[in-house]
Protein backbone atom coordinates (compact mmCIF):
# COMPACT_ATOMS: atom_id res chain seq x y z
CA MET A 1 19.75 -17.28 -24.73
CA GLU A 2 23.19 -18.74 -25.22
CA GLU A 3 24.72 -20.42 -22.20
CA THR A 4 28.47 -20.61 -22.07
CA GLY A 5 30.89 -21.79 -19.48
CA GLY A 6 34.00 -20.09 -18.21
CA ALA A 7 34.74 -16.42 -18.71
CA SER A 8 31.97 -14.78 -20.70
CA ALA A 9 30.79 -11.34 -21.73
CA TYR A 10 27.10 -10.54 -22.33
CA GLY A 11 25.97 -14.12 -22.76
CA VAL A 12 28.82 -15.19 -25.05
CA SER A 13 32.21 -16.71 -24.27
CA LEU A 14 34.91 -14.09 -23.73
CA ALA A 15 37.10 -15.62 -26.44
CA GLY A 16 35.59 -15.15 -29.87
CA LYS A 17 33.89 -18.27 -31.26
CA GLY A 18 32.91 -19.34 -34.74
CA PHE A 19 29.40 -18.89 -36.12
CA ASP A 20 27.08 -21.89 -35.78
CA PHE A 21 24.08 -21.32 -38.08
CA TYR A 22 21.92 -24.19 -36.81
CA LYS A 23 22.42 -23.16 -33.21
CA PHE A 24 21.77 -19.53 -34.10
CA VAL A 25 18.38 -20.15 -35.74
CA ARG A 26 17.25 -22.18 -32.71
CA GLU A 27 18.01 -19.40 -30.25
CA PRO A 28 14.83 -17.96 -28.65
CA GLN A 29 15.99 -14.42 -29.35
CA THR A 30 16.43 -15.24 -33.05
CA VAL A 31 12.96 -16.80 -33.27
CA VAL A 32 11.30 -13.79 -31.61
CA ARG A 33 13.20 -11.36 -33.83
CA LEU A 34 12.09 -13.26 -36.94
CA LEU A 35 8.47 -13.04 -35.74
CA SER A 36 8.87 -9.28 -35.26
CA TRP A 37 10.23 -9.10 -38.80
CA VAL A 38 7.20 -10.97 -40.22
CA PHE A 39 4.71 -8.87 -38.23
CA ALA A 40 6.31 -5.67 -39.50
CA ILE A 41 5.98 -6.93 -43.09
CA VAL A 42 2.27 -7.65 -42.56
CA VAL A 43 1.58 -4.20 -41.10
CA PHE A 44 3.26 -2.03 -43.71
CA ALA A 45 2.28 -4.33 -46.61
CA CYS A 46 -1.40 -4.21 -45.68
CA ILE A 47 -1.30 -0.44 -45.29
CA THR A 48 0.51 0.00 -48.61
CA THR A 49 -1.86 -2.23 -50.59
CA GLU A 50 -5.23 -1.81 -48.83
CA GLY A 51 -4.79 0.95 -46.31
CA TYR A 52 -6.14 3.70 -48.56
CA ILE A 53 -9.48 3.85 -50.37
CA ASN A 54 -11.37 6.25 -52.60
CA PRO A 55 -14.36 7.45 -50.54
CA PRO A 56 -17.60 8.23 -52.46
CA THR A 57 -17.55 11.88 -51.42
CA SER A 58 -13.89 12.54 -52.32
CA ALA A 59 -11.61 11.90 -55.25
CA GLU A 60 -8.52 11.65 -53.04
CA LEU A 61 -7.29 8.50 -51.36
CA LYS A 62 -8.07 8.37 -47.65
CA CYS A 63 -6.87 6.12 -44.88
CA ILE A 64 -9.29 3.35 -43.89
CA PHE A 65 -8.84 4.28 -40.22
CA ASN A 66 -11.44 7.00 -39.89
CA ARG A 67 -9.91 8.75 -42.92
CA ASN A 68 -6.98 9.79 -40.75
CA ASP A 69 -3.95 9.75 -43.01
CA SER A 70 -1.65 10.36 -40.03
CA ALA A 71 -2.62 7.01 -38.54
CA CYS A 72 -1.73 5.14 -41.72
CA ASN A 73 1.51 7.08 -42.19
CA TYR A 74 2.54 6.43 -38.59
CA ALA A 75 1.88 2.67 -38.76
CA ASP A 76 3.56 2.43 -42.16
CA GLY A 77 6.69 4.21 -40.95
CA ILE A 78 6.92 2.16 -37.74
CA GLY A 79 6.55 -1.06 -39.74
CA VAL A 80 9.20 -0.19 -42.34
CA ILE A 81 11.77 0.87 -39.72
CA ALA A 82 11.03 -2.24 -37.63
CA PHE A 83 11.50 -4.41 -40.72
CA LEU A 84 14.94 -2.91 -41.43
CA ALA A 85 15.94 -2.95 -37.75
CA CYS A 86 15.15 -6.65 -37.42
CA ILE A 87 17.48 -7.44 -40.31
CA GLY A 88 20.24 -5.32 -38.81
CA PHE A 89 19.94 -6.82 -35.33
CA LEU A 90 19.82 -10.35 -36.74
CA LEU A 91 23.16 -9.71 -38.42
CA LEU A 92 24.46 -8.18 -35.19
CA ASP A 93 23.37 -11.24 -33.19
CA ALA A 94 25.18 -13.48 -35.64
CA TYR A 95 28.35 -11.38 -35.39
CA LEU A 96 28.27 -11.09 -31.58
CA PRO A 97 30.06 -14.43 -30.87
CA LEU A 98 32.89 -13.33 -33.17
CA MET A 99 33.60 -10.22 -31.09
CA SER A 100 36.55 -10.69 -28.74
CA ASN A 101 36.27 -7.22 -27.23
CA ALA A 102 33.88 -6.95 -24.27
CA LYS A 103 33.36 -3.21 -24.87
CA GLU A 104 32.12 -3.83 -28.41
CA ARG A 105 29.70 -6.44 -27.11
CA LYS A 106 28.43 -4.04 -24.48
CA LEU A 107 27.78 -1.39 -27.12
CA ALA A 108 25.87 -3.90 -29.28
CA VAL A 109 23.75 -5.14 -26.37
CA VAL A 110 22.98 -1.62 -25.12
CA SER A 111 21.94 -0.57 -28.63
CA ASP A 112 19.64 -3.58 -28.88
CA LEU A 113 18.19 -2.87 -25.44
CA ALA A 114 17.52 0.81 -26.14
CA PHE A 115 16.03 0.30 -29.62
CA SER A 116 13.85 -2.63 -28.58
CA GLY A 117 12.51 -0.70 -25.60
CA VAL A 118 11.66 2.35 -27.71
CA TRP A 119 10.00 0.28 -30.43
CA THR A 120 7.92 -1.62 -27.89
CA PHE A 121 6.50 1.72 -26.76
CA LEU A 122 5.98 2.96 -30.34
CA TRP A 123 4.11 -0.22 -31.30
CA PHE A 124 1.91 0.26 -28.24
CA VAL A 125 1.11 3.81 -29.37
CA CYS A 126 0.45 2.50 -32.89
CA PHE A 127 -1.97 -0.13 -31.64
CA CYS A 128 -3.86 2.33 -29.46
CA LEU A 129 -4.09 4.87 -32.29
CA LEU A 130 -5.28 2.38 -34.90
CA ALA A 131 -7.77 0.74 -32.54
CA SER A 132 -9.20 4.12 -31.55
CA GLU A 133 -9.53 5.34 -35.14
CA TRP A 134 -11.05 2.05 -36.25
CA SER A 135 -13.69 2.23 -33.54
CA HIS A 136 -14.62 5.75 -34.67
CA THR A 137 -14.92 4.82 -38.34
CA GLU A 138 -18.62 5.16 -39.18
CA ASP A 139 -18.87 4.55 -42.91
CA MET A 140 -17.48 1.07 -43.64
CA ARG A 141 -18.58 0.99 -47.26
CA GLY A 142 -15.74 -0.06 -49.52
CA ILE A 143 -13.31 -0.52 -46.60
CA PRO A 144 -11.38 -3.85 -46.56
CA GLN A 145 -12.25 -4.75 -43.00
CA ASP A 146 -10.06 -7.86 -42.91
CA ALA A 147 -7.02 -5.76 -43.76
CA GLY A 148 -7.88 -3.21 -41.08
CA ARG A 149 -8.28 -5.89 -38.42
CA ALA A 150 -5.05 -7.59 -39.52
CA ILE A 151 -3.13 -4.32 -39.17
CA ILE A 152 -4.48 -3.78 -35.65
CA ALA A 153 -3.87 -7.41 -34.62
CA PHE A 154 -0.29 -7.58 -35.87
CA SER A 155 0.45 -4.22 -34.28
CA PHE A 156 -0.60 -5.78 -30.97
CA PHE A 157 1.52 -8.88 -31.64
CA SER A 158 4.49 -6.62 -32.34
CA ILE A 159 4.17 -5.14 -28.85
CA ALA A 160 4.65 -8.63 -27.40
CA THR A 161 7.57 -9.66 -29.63
CA TRP A 162 9.48 -6.42 -29.20
CA GLY A 163 8.84 -6.55 -25.45
CA ILE A 164 10.33 -10.06 -25.31
CA THR A 165 13.31 -8.87 -27.34
CA THR A 166 13.80 -6.06 -24.83
CA TYR A 167 13.76 -8.61 -22.00
CA PHE A 168 16.37 -10.79 -23.73
CA ALA A 169 18.62 -7.78 -24.27
CA LEU A 170 18.24 -6.81 -20.61
CA VAL A 171 19.21 -10.34 -19.52
CA ARG A 172 22.31 -10.19 -21.70
CA PHE A 173 23.26 -6.81 -20.30
CA ARG A 174 22.88 -7.97 -16.69
CA HIS A 175 24.78 -11.15 -17.45
CA GLY A 176 27.70 -9.13 -18.76
CA VAL A 177 27.74 -6.78 -15.78
CA ASP A 178 27.57 -9.61 -13.24
CA ASN A 179 30.10 -12.01 -14.74
CA VAL A 180 32.73 -9.97 -16.55
CA THR A 181 35.48 -9.24 -14.05
CA LEU A 182 38.86 -7.69 -14.61
CA PRO A 183 41.92 -9.35 -13.02
CA THR A 184 43.18 -7.47 -9.95
CA TYR A 185 46.38 -7.84 -7.94
CA THR A 186 45.97 -9.00 -4.35
CA GLU A 187 48.63 -9.06 -1.70
CA PRO A 188 49.58 -12.57 -0.46
CA PRO A 189 48.67 -13.47 3.14
CA PRO A 190 51.30 -12.49 5.75
CA ASP A 191 51.94 -16.08 6.82
CA GLN A 192 52.84 -17.21 3.30
CA HIS A 193 56.29 -16.31 2.09
CA THR A 194 58.04 -17.23 -1.08
CA PRO A 195 61.12 -19.39 -0.26
CA TYR A 196 64.38 -18.02 -1.49
CA PRO A 197 67.60 -20.08 -1.98
CA PRO A 198 70.27 -19.51 0.68
CA THR A 199 72.98 -17.05 -0.16
CA TYR A 200 76.67 -17.57 0.59
CA ALA A 201 79.10 -14.75 1.31
CA PRO A 202 82.13 -14.86 -0.98
CA THR A 203 85.39 -15.81 0.73
CA THR A 204 88.35 -13.48 0.38
CA TYR A 205 92.03 -14.42 0.49
CA THR A 206 94.11 -12.30 2.82
CA PRO A 207 97.81 -12.41 1.91
CA TYR A 208 100.47 -12.50 4.56
CA PRO A 209 102.26 -9.30 5.43
CA SER A 210 105.35 -8.53 3.44
CA SER A 211 107.59 -9.04 6.45
CA MET A 212 106.51 -12.61 7.14
CA PRO A 213 108.21 -14.34 4.14
CA ASP A 214 111.60 -12.85 5.09
CA LYS A 215 111.32 -14.15 8.63
CA LEU A 216 110.28 -17.57 7.41
CA GLN A 217 113.18 -17.74 4.96
CA GLN A 218 115.70 -16.69 7.61
CA SER A 219 114.45 -19.17 10.16
CA SER A 220 114.41 -22.07 7.72
CA PHE A 221 117.88 -21.27 6.37
CA SER A 222 119.44 -20.94 9.80
CA SER A 223 117.98 -24.26 11.00
CA THR A 224 119.78 -26.21 8.24
CA LEU A 225 123.27 -24.87 8.93
CA PRO A 226 125.52 -26.89 11.29
CA PRO A 227 126.50 -25.26 14.55
CA GLN A 228 129.77 -23.36 14.47
CA GLY A 229 132.30 -23.82 17.27
CA ASP A 230 134.65 -21.25 18.73
CA GLY A 231 137.92 -23.07 17.66
CA GLY A 232 137.52 -22.63 13.99
CA TYR A 233 138.55 -25.34 11.53
CA GLN A 234 139.81 -28.69 12.96
CA PRO A 235 141.46 -31.22 10.67
CA PRO A 236 140.38 -34.84 10.78
CA PRO A 237 142.43 -37.18 13.03
CA TYR A 238 144.95 -39.64 11.58
C-alpha cells in the first residue's frame, strides 16, 4: 500500500501526483494483482487446450471433470473475466494517483472492493465444483490428469490472491473515510478578539453667528477714534 503524508484520499496524496512506474510495480497490491492475472491465464488456458476429451463411448467432446460441461464452462468464464478485470484494475491503480478528485477515487476503490469480493466468492465456488467433480470422475482413461490438477490448484490460489486484493481495497476505503476531512468554520473563542484600529470622530467647524462680526467691527472701530469733547473745535495756541 502507498503511504503518503499530509492530506490524502484513499491511500494517495490529495493533490494529484505523477506516475512512478518502478514504485508502482513494487506495490504489494500490484504484485498480487499480477499473480491473479497469471492464475487466471493458467485456468482458462488449460481448460481451452486440455479440458475436453473424446470419450471412447461418445463422439462428442466432454469435460474432463466427470464429463460435466457446465463445470468447464463455469471455470473458463470465471478465468477469462478475471483475466480482463486484472488488466483493467491494473490500469486503474496506475491512474489513481493522477486523480485530484476524492469522489472519483472513492468510486474507483469501491468498484475494486466490490468486484474483488465477488470474484473471491466465485473462485471459491469454482474450486469446490471442480474438486467435487474431479473426485467423482471414475474413468480416467485418456484424461490429462496433470491439467486437471493444475486447474483445481490454480483455482484455489486465485481464492487467496483475490481475497488479498479485497483486503487491500478495504484498507484503502477505510483510509479514505478516516483521513479525508472537509474544512469547517469554527467560531473563535470568546476571550480572543481581533484588534481593530482606533477610530476618530471628524471635527466640524461651527461658524460664528451673523451678528457677531458686526459687533466686533463696531467695537474695534470705536476704540480707535479719539474722544470728542463738548466744546467742539479748538484752535492751537500761539
